[in-house]
Protein backbone atom coordinates (compact mmCIF):
# COMPACT_ATOMS: atom_id res chain seq x y z
CA PHE A 1 -37.70 6.21 10.65
CA ILE A 2 -40.53 8.43 11.89
CA LYS A 3 -40.09 11.86 13.44
CA CYS A 4 -42.84 12.77 15.87
CA SER A 5 -43.77 16.14 17.31
CA ALA A 6 -46.53 16.55 19.86
CA PHE A 7 -48.31 19.74 20.85
CA PRO A 8 -50.92 20.30 23.58
CA LEU A 9 -54.32 21.73 22.59
CA LYS A 10 -55.58 24.36 25.05
CA ASP A 11 -58.91 26.04 25.58
CA SER A 12 -59.29 29.80 25.90
CA LYS A 13 -58.43 29.60 29.61
CA GLY A 14 -55.14 27.78 28.93
CA ASN A 15 -56.32 24.35 30.12
CA VAL A 16 -55.06 21.35 28.19
CA ILE A 17 -58.02 19.74 26.48
CA GLY A 18 -56.21 17.42 24.09
CA GLY A 19 -53.15 16.97 22.03
CA MET A 20 -52.00 16.97 18.48
CA SER A 21 -49.28 14.81 16.99
CA VAL A 22 -47.44 15.35 13.71
CA GLN A 23 -45.52 12.47 12.20
CA LYS A 24 -43.15 12.61 9.30
CA ASP A 25 -41.41 9.68 7.56
CA ILE A 26 -37.71 10.60 7.47
CA THR A 27 -36.44 7.17 6.41
CA GLU A 28 -35.08 8.43 3.07
CA SER A 29 -33.17 11.30 4.61
CA LYS A 30 -31.74 9.03 7.35
CA ILE A 31 -30.55 6.51 4.75
CA THR A 32 -28.97 9.32 2.73
CA ALA A 33 -27.24 10.74 5.84
CA LEU A 34 -25.86 7.32 6.77
CA ALA A 35 -24.59 6.76 3.23
CA LEU A 36 -22.90 10.18 3.25
CA LYS A 37 -21.31 9.42 6.62
CA LYS A 38 -19.99 6.08 5.36
CA SER A 39 -18.70 7.70 2.18
CA ALA A 40 -16.90 10.42 4.18
CA GLU A 41 -15.32 7.80 6.42
CA GLN A 42 -14.12 5.78 3.42
CA TYR A 43 -12.62 8.82 1.66
CA GLY A 44 -11.11 9.99 4.92
CA SER A 45 -9.42 6.62 5.25
CA LEU A 46 -8.09 6.90 1.69
CA PHE A 47 -6.50 10.22 2.62
CA LEU A 48 -5.19 9.24 6.07
CA ASP A 49 -3.80 5.86 5.05
CA SER A 50 -2.37 6.76 1.63
CA PRO A 51 1.26 5.72 1.24
CA GLN A 52 2.07 9.14 -0.26
CA PRO A 53 2.51 12.13 2.08
CA MET A 54 -0.47 14.47 1.76
CA TRP A 55 -1.89 17.42 3.58
CA ILE A 56 -4.58 20.04 3.39
CA VAL A 57 -3.69 23.69 4.03
CA ASN A 58 -5.96 26.73 4.26
CA TYR A 59 -5.51 28.61 1.00
CA ASP A 60 -5.30 32.08 2.59
CA THR A 61 -3.44 31.47 5.86
CA LYS A 62 -1.31 28.54 4.64
CA GLN A 63 -2.10 26.83 8.00
CA PHE A 64 -2.07 23.02 7.97
CA VAL A 65 -5.66 21.85 8.41
CA GLU A 66 -5.17 18.11 7.99
CA VAL A 67 -2.17 15.83 7.43
CA ASN A 68 -1.97 12.12 6.64
CA ASN A 69 0.01 9.37 8.37
CA ALA A 70 2.61 9.14 5.56
CA ALA A 71 3.47 12.82 5.96
CA ILE A 72 3.81 12.39 9.70
CA ARG A 73 6.21 9.43 9.20
CA HIS A 74 8.18 11.05 6.38
CA TYR A 75 8.64 14.50 7.89
CA GLY A 76 8.94 13.47 11.55
CA TYR A 77 6.42 15.99 12.93
CA SER A 78 3.51 14.79 15.01
CA LYS A 79 0.01 15.59 13.79
CA GLU A 80 -0.31 18.24 16.53
CA GLU A 81 2.96 19.87 15.44
CA PHE A 82 1.87 19.94 11.82
CA LEU A 83 -1.50 21.48 12.73
CA SER A 84 0.23 24.23 14.72
CA MET A 85 2.37 25.21 11.74
CA THR A 86 1.94 26.83 8.33
CA ILE A 87 3.41 25.58 5.05
CA LYS A 88 5.98 28.42 5.43
CA ASP A 89 7.47 26.65 8.43
CA ILE A 90 8.82 23.77 6.35
CA ARG A 91 10.20 25.95 3.53
CA PRO A 92 13.57 27.65 3.24
CA PRO A 93 13.23 31.45 3.76
CA GLU A 94 14.00 32.19 0.08
CA ASP A 95 11.03 30.06 -1.01
CA VAL A 96 8.38 31.59 1.25
CA GLU A 97 7.41 34.47 -1.08
CA LYS A 98 7.08 32.07 -4.02
CA ILE A 99 4.18 30.33 -2.19
CA TYR A 100 1.98 33.33 -2.93
CA ASN A 101 2.85 33.51 -6.64
CA LEU A 102 1.93 30.02 -7.82
CA GLU A 103 0.82 29.64 -11.40
CA ARG A 104 -2.17 27.33 -11.41
CA ILE A 105 -3.54 25.62 -14.49
CA LYS A 106 -7.02 24.22 -15.16
CA GLU A 107 -7.25 20.48 -15.70
CA GLY A 108 -10.78 19.21 -16.21
CA GLY A 109 -12.19 22.27 -14.45
CA ILE A 110 -9.94 21.78 -11.40
CA SER A 111 -7.31 24.36 -10.40
CA VAL A 112 -4.02 22.42 -10.27
CA TYR A 113 -0.40 23.26 -9.47
CA HIS A 114 2.65 21.06 -10.19
CA GLY A 115 6.11 22.05 -8.98
CA ILE A 116 9.43 21.26 -7.38
CA TRP A 117 10.12 22.63 -3.90
CA LYS A 118 12.54 22.32 -1.02
CA HIS A 119 11.14 21.22 2.37
CA TYR A 120 12.67 20.79 5.79
CA LYS A 121 12.01 17.72 7.83
CA LYS A 122 11.78 18.02 11.61
CA ASP A 123 15.40 16.84 11.99
CA GLY A 124 16.58 19.69 9.73
CA THR A 125 17.18 17.55 6.64
CA LEU A 126 16.48 19.56 3.48
CA ILE A 127 14.67 17.48 0.86
CA THR A 128 13.58 18.11 -2.70
CA VAL A 129 9.93 17.31 -3.40
CA GLU A 130 7.62 17.31 -6.35
CA ILE A 131 4.12 18.43 -5.39
CA THR A 132 0.75 18.35 -7.05
CA SER A 133 -1.98 20.43 -5.47
CA HIS A 134 -5.66 21.06 -6.04
CA LEU A 135 -8.00 23.72 -4.67
CA ILE A 136 -10.80 22.17 -2.63
CA GLU A 137 -13.50 23.13 -0.13
CA TYR A 138 -12.83 21.50 3.23
CA ASN A 139 -14.76 22.23 6.45
CA ASP A 140 -16.25 25.36 4.86
CA GLN A 141 -12.78 26.71 4.04
CA THR A 142 -11.04 27.18 0.67
CA CYS A 143 -8.05 24.86 0.99
CA THR A 144 -5.31 23.26 -1.03
CA LEU A 145 -4.95 19.46 -1.08
CA VAL A 146 -1.25 18.68 -1.61
CA LEU A 147 0.30 15.38 -2.69
CA VAL A 148 4.07 15.18 -1.98
CA ASN A 149 6.66 13.03 -3.71
CA ASP A 150 10.20 13.14 -2.25
CA ILE A 151 12.56 13.08 -5.25
CA SER A 152 15.78 13.67 -3.25
CA ASN A 153 17.11 10.13 -3.80
CA LYS A 154 16.21 10.19 -7.49
CA LEU A 155 18.05 13.49 -7.97
CA MET A 156 21.08 12.18 -6.03
CA ALA A 157 21.21 9.03 -8.21
CA GLU A 158 21.05 11.19 -11.38
CA TRP A 159 23.80 13.41 -10.03
CA GLU A 160 26.01 10.39 -9.21
CA LYS A 161 25.45 8.95 -12.68
CA GLU A 162 26.39 12.26 -14.32
CA ARG A 163 29.49 12.61 -12.08
CA GLU A 164 30.52 9.08 -13.05
CA ARG A 165 30.09 9.88 -16.75
CA ILE A 166 32.17 13.07 -16.43
CA ASN A 167 34.96 11.23 -14.52
CA LYS A 168 35.05 8.43 -17.15
CA GLU A 169 35.14 10.99 -19.96
CA ALA A 170 37.94 12.94 -18.24
CA LEU A 171 39.96 9.70 -17.76
CA ILE A 172 39.61 8.80 -21.43
CA ASN A 173 40.37 12.27 -22.69
CA ASN A 174 43.37 12.88 -20.44
CA THR A 175 45.25 9.55 -20.68
CA LYS A 176 48.28 9.09 -22.92
CA ASP A 177 47.70 5.34 -23.05
CA THR A 178 45.55 3.53 -25.51
CA ILE A 179 42.25 2.32 -24.13
CA TRP A 180 40.45 -0.65 -25.63
CA SER A 181 36.96 -1.83 -25.01
CA VAL A 182 36.46 -5.55 -25.55
CA ALA A 183 33.22 -7.51 -25.43
CA ALA A 184 33.18 -10.24 -22.79
CA ASP A 185 31.58 -12.85 -25.10
CA PHE A 186 34.46 -14.94 -26.59
CA THR A 187 32.38 -17.65 -28.32
């Protein structure tokens, strides 16, 4: 790739008497720019098409800046709806103040936060999520990249298992009958 610039040469009266051309080989910078563009597209695709809900929020305003397809499917908001909201809009009122008091840790030089939160889906369902977030620079803004894992079903299964254990224990402790446990293998 060659970049050319041409300039007229004029005499003292302003008449054009010739021209000058400057050429510069910009092949290397064009190749670098194309490689950067391809890399950005590939990483953008990794974010947008990840099976885990993810988003990017402005660190100061808490405004959604970008959201991936999994978050759109899981939460029920359109991309436009997400981008018109802040992270506070999906949190219960009692959690909003906690957003500003997050304790971040350093992992490999990166500011990281791990925590359990409650989020509202568009249909009003309250879910429990585990998030991991990292501070990043995105579009010349300090932002937070957030990975979301909905643990509502896991917590419900654990609760059901514990309830079952308590019920079984109560049955055993409160019966007047004798209870035997026999192995099913009669060989």
